[in-house]
Amino acid sequence: MAGLTAAPEVLPGIPFAKGLQEAAGAGFLLYCTAALVIIAAKLWFAVRNTPDHSAPAPGAPAGPSGDLP
């Protein structure tokens, strides 16, 4: 076993396994980036679509009694 740890290039499949690890790492980073973009877009749309409580909605009465000033 000690000899195998000294020269891992001798084992068949080690370069392939390293390539798989690199591809999996890149895929994971792509997945995390996509999830972050989707969450950010959802938050942006949620904040953008919140009603502004300082002004009445278009077509709504101006005051609580319905009388216009």
N, C-alpha and C. Protein backbone atom coordinates (compact mmCIF):
# COMPACT_ATOMS: atom_id res chain seq x y z
N MET A 1 0.82 -1.20 0.00
CA MET A 1 0.00 0.00 0.00
C MET A 1 0.86 1.26 0.00
N ALA A 2 1.96 1.24 0.70
CA ALA A 2 2.80 2.43 0.77
C ALA A 2 3.34 2.79 -0.60
N GLY A 3 3.61 1.79 -1.42
CA GLY A 3 4.12 2.06 -2.76
C GLY A 3 3.06 2.67 -3.67
N LEU A 4 1.81 2.32 -3.45
CA LEU A 4 0.73 2.88 -4.28
C LEU A 4 0.48 4.35 -3.97
N THR A 5 0.67 4.73 -2.72
CA THR A 5 0.45 6.14 -2.37
C THR A 5 1.60 7.01 -2.85
N ALA A 6 2.77 6.42 -3.06
CA ALA A 6 3.92 7.20 -3.51
C ALA A 6 3.79 7.58 -4.98
N ALA A 7 3.23 6.70 -5.81
CA ALA A 7 3.12 6.97 -7.25
C ALA A 7 1.71 6.65 -7.74
N PRO A 8 0.76 7.51 -7.51
CA PRO A 8 -0.61 7.20 -7.93
C PRO A 8 -0.80 7.24 -9.45
N GLU A 9 0.14 7.82 -10.20
CA GLU A 9 0.02 7.87 -11.65
C GLU A 9 0.13 6.48 -12.27
N VAL A 10 0.69 5.53 -11.53
CA VAL A 10 0.89 4.19 -12.04
C VAL A 10 -0.44 3.44 -12.12
N LEU A 11 -1.37 3.76 -11.25
CA LEU A 11 -2.65 3.07 -11.22
C LEU A 11 -3.49 3.44 -12.45
N PRO A 12 -4.10 2.44 -13.09
CA PRO A 12 -4.97 2.79 -14.21
C PRO A 12 -6.26 3.45 -13.72
N GLY A 13 -6.72 4.43 -14.44
CA GLY A 13 -7.96 5.08 -14.09
C GLY A 13 -7.82 6.30 -13.20
N ILE A 14 -6.64 6.54 -12.65
CA ILE A 14 -6.46 7.70 -11.77
C ILE A 14 -6.63 9.02 -12.54
N PRO A 15 -6.04 9.16 -13.74
CA PRO A 15 -6.27 10.41 -14.48
C PRO A 15 -7.75 10.60 -14.83
N PHE A 16 -8.44 9.52 -15.16
CA PHE A 16 -9.87 9.59 -15.45
C PHE A 16 -10.65 10.03 -14.22
N ALA A 17 -10.30 9.48 -13.07
CA ALA A 17 -10.98 9.84 -11.83
C ALA A 17 -10.73 11.31 -11.48
N LYS A 18 -9.53 11.79 -11.72
CA LYS A 18 -9.24 13.21 -11.47
C LYS A 18 -10.06 14.09 -12.39
N GLY A 19 -10.20 13.67 -13.65
CA GLY A 19 -11.02 14.43 -14.58
C GLY A 19 -12.48 14.46 -14.15
N LEU A 20 -12.97 13.32 -13.64
CA LEU A 20 -14.34 13.28 -13.15
C LEU A 20 -14.52 14.20 -11.94
N GLN A 21 -13.55 14.23 -11.07
CA GLN A 21 -13.62 15.11 -9.91
C GLN A 21 -13.65 16.58 -10.34
N GLU A 22 -12.84 16.94 -11.32
CA GLU A 22 -12.83 18.32 -11.79
C GLU A 22 -14.16 18.68 -12.45
N ALA A 23 -14.71 17.76 -13.23
CA ALA A 23 -15.99 18.02 -13.88
C ALA A 23 -17.11 18.13 -12.84
N ALA A 24 -17.06 17.29 -11.83
CA ALA A 24 -18.08 17.36 -10.78
C ALA A 24 -17.97 18.67 -10.01
N GLY A 25 -16.76 19.12 -9.74
CA GLY A 25 -16.57 20.39 -9.05
C GLY A 25 -17.08 21.56 -9.87
N ALA A 26 -16.80 21.53 -11.17
CA ALA A 26 -17.28 22.61 -12.04
C ALA A 26 -18.80 22.58 -12.14
N GLY A 27 -19.38 21.39 -12.20
CA GLY A 27 -20.83 21.26 -12.26
C GLY A 27 -21.49 21.76 -10.99
N PHE A 28 -20.87 21.48 -9.86
CA PHE A 28 -21.42 21.94 -8.58
C PHE A 28 -21.38 23.46 -8.50
N LEU A 29 -20.29 24.07 -8.95
CA LEU A 29 -20.21 25.53 -8.95
C LEU A 29 -21.24 26.14 -9.90
N LEU A 30 -21.46 25.51 -11.05
CA LEU A 30 -22.47 25.99 -11.98
C LEU A 30 -23.85 25.88 -11.37
N TYR A 31 -24.12 24.78 -10.67
CA TYR A 31 -25.41 24.58 -10.01
C TYR A 31 -25.63 25.65 -8.93
N CYS A 32 -24.62 25.90 -8.12
CA CYS A 32 -24.75 26.92 -7.07
C CYS A 32 -24.96 28.30 -7.66
N THR A 33 -24.26 28.62 -8.74
CA THR A 33 -24.42 29.91 -9.39
C THR A 33 -25.83 30.07 -9.95
N ALA A 34 -26.34 29.02 -10.59
CA ALA A 34 -27.69 29.09 -11.15
C ALA A 34 -28.73 29.24 -10.03
N ALA A 35 -28.56 28.52 -8.93
CA ALA A 35 -29.49 28.63 -7.81
C ALA A 35 -29.45 30.04 -7.22
N LEU A 36 -28.28 30.61 -7.10
CA LEU A 36 -28.15 31.97 -6.56
C LEU A 36 -28.82 32.99 -7.48
N VAL A 37 -28.67 32.83 -8.79
CA VAL A 37 -29.30 33.75 -9.73
C VAL A 37 -30.82 33.64 -9.65
N ILE A 38 -31.34 32.42 -9.54
CA ILE A 38 -32.79 32.23 -9.46
C ILE A 38 -33.34 32.82 -8.17
N ILE A 39 -32.66 32.61 -7.06
CA ILE A 39 -33.12 33.16 -5.78
C ILE A 39 -33.06 34.69 -5.81
N ALA A 40 -32.00 35.24 -6.39
CA ALA A 40 -31.89 36.70 -6.48
C ALA A 40 -33.00 37.28 -7.36
N ALA A 41 -33.32 36.59 -8.45
CA ALA A 41 -34.39 37.08 -9.33
C ALA A 41 -35.74 37.02 -8.62
N LYS A 42 -35.98 35.95 -7.87
CA LYS A 42 -37.24 35.84 -7.12
C LYS A 42 -37.36 36.96 -6.09
N LEU A 43 -36.28 37.23 -5.38
CA LEU A 43 -36.30 38.31 -4.39
C LEU A 43 -36.51 39.66 -5.06
N TRP A 44 -35.86 39.88 -6.20
CA TRP A 44 -35.99 41.15 -6.90
C TRP A 44 -37.43 41.36 -7.36
N PHE A 45 -38.05 40.31 -7.93
CA PHE A 45 -39.44 40.43 -8.36
C PHE A 45 -40.38 40.59 -7.17
N ALA A 46 -40.08 39.94 -6.05
CA ALA A 46 -40.93 40.08 -4.87
C ALA A 46 -40.88 41.51 -4.34
N VAL A 47 -39.69 42.10 -4.29
CA VAL A 47 -39.56 43.47 -3.80
C VAL A 47 -40.16 44.45 -4.81
N ARG A 48 -39.99 44.18 -6.07
CA ARG A 48 -40.50 45.06 -7.11
C ARG A 48 -42.02 45.06 -7.17
N ASN A 49 -42.65 43.96 -6.86
CA ASN A 49 -44.10 43.84 -6.97
C ASN A 49 -44.84 44.11 -5.67
N THR A 50 -44.16 44.54 -4.63
CA THR A 50 -44.86 44.88 -3.39
C THR A 50 -45.59 46.19 -3.60
N PRO A 51 -46.84 46.28 -3.15
CA PRO A 51 -47.59 47.53 -3.35
C PRO A 51 -47.03 48.65 -2.47
N ASP A 52 -47.05 49.84 -3.02
CA ASP A 52 -46.61 51.02 -2.28
C ASP A 52 -47.79 51.53 -1.47
N HIS A 53 -47.67 51.51 -0.16
CA HIS A 53 -48.79 51.88 0.71
C HIS A 53 -48.92 53.39 0.90
N SER A 54 -48.02 54.19 0.35
CA SER A 54 -48.11 55.63 0.54
C SER A 54 -49.08 56.28 -0.44
N ALA A 55 -49.34 55.66 -1.57
CA ALA A 55 -50.25 56.24 -2.56
C ALA A 55 -51.41 55.28 -2.79
N PRO A 56 -52.61 55.80 -3.03
CA PRO A 56 -53.74 54.91 -3.31
C PRO A 56 -53.58 54.25 -4.67
N ALA A 57 -54.19 53.10 -4.81
CA ALA A 57 -54.13 52.39 -6.08
C ALA A 57 -54.91 53.17 -7.13
N PRO A 58 -54.55 53.03 -8.39
CA PRO A 58 -55.29 53.75 -9.44
C PRO A 58 -56.75 53.30 -9.46
N GLY A 59 -57.66 54.27 -9.47
CA GLY A 59 -59.08 53.97 -9.48
C GLY A 59 -59.68 53.76 -8.11
N ALA A 60 -58.87 53.78 -7.08
CA ALA A 60 -59.37 53.59 -5.71
C ALA A 60 -59.79 54.94 -5.14
N PRO A 61 -60.70 54.95 -4.19
CA PRO A 61 -61.10 56.20 -3.54
C PRO A 61 -59.90 56.84 -2.84
N ALA A 62 -59.90 58.16 -2.78
CA ALA A 62 -58.77 58.88 -2.21
C ALA A 62 -58.70 58.75 -0.70
N GLY A 63 -59.82 58.77 -0.02
CA GLY A 63 -59.81 58.70 1.43
C GLY A 63 -60.62 57.52 1.95
N PRO A 64 -60.65 57.37 3.26
CA PRO A 64 -61.41 56.25 3.82
C PRO A 64 -62.90 56.39 3.62
N SER A 65 -63.42 57.62 3.48
CA SER A 65 -64.84 57.81 3.29
C SER A 65 -65.25 57.71 1.83
N GLY A 66 -64.28 57.75 0.92
CA GLY A 66 -64.58 57.69 -0.49
C GLY A 66 -64.76 59.06 -1.12
N ASP A 67 -64.68 60.13 -0.35
CA ASP A 67 -64.83 61.49 -0.88
C ASP A 67 -63.50 61.95 -1.46
N LEU A 68 -63.57 62.62 -2.57
CA LEU A 68 -62.36 63.18 -3.15
C LEU A 68 -62.07 64.52 -2.48
N PRO A 69 -60.83 64.86 -2.27
CA PRO A 69 -60.51 66.14 -1.62
C PRO A 69 -60.77 67.33 -2.48
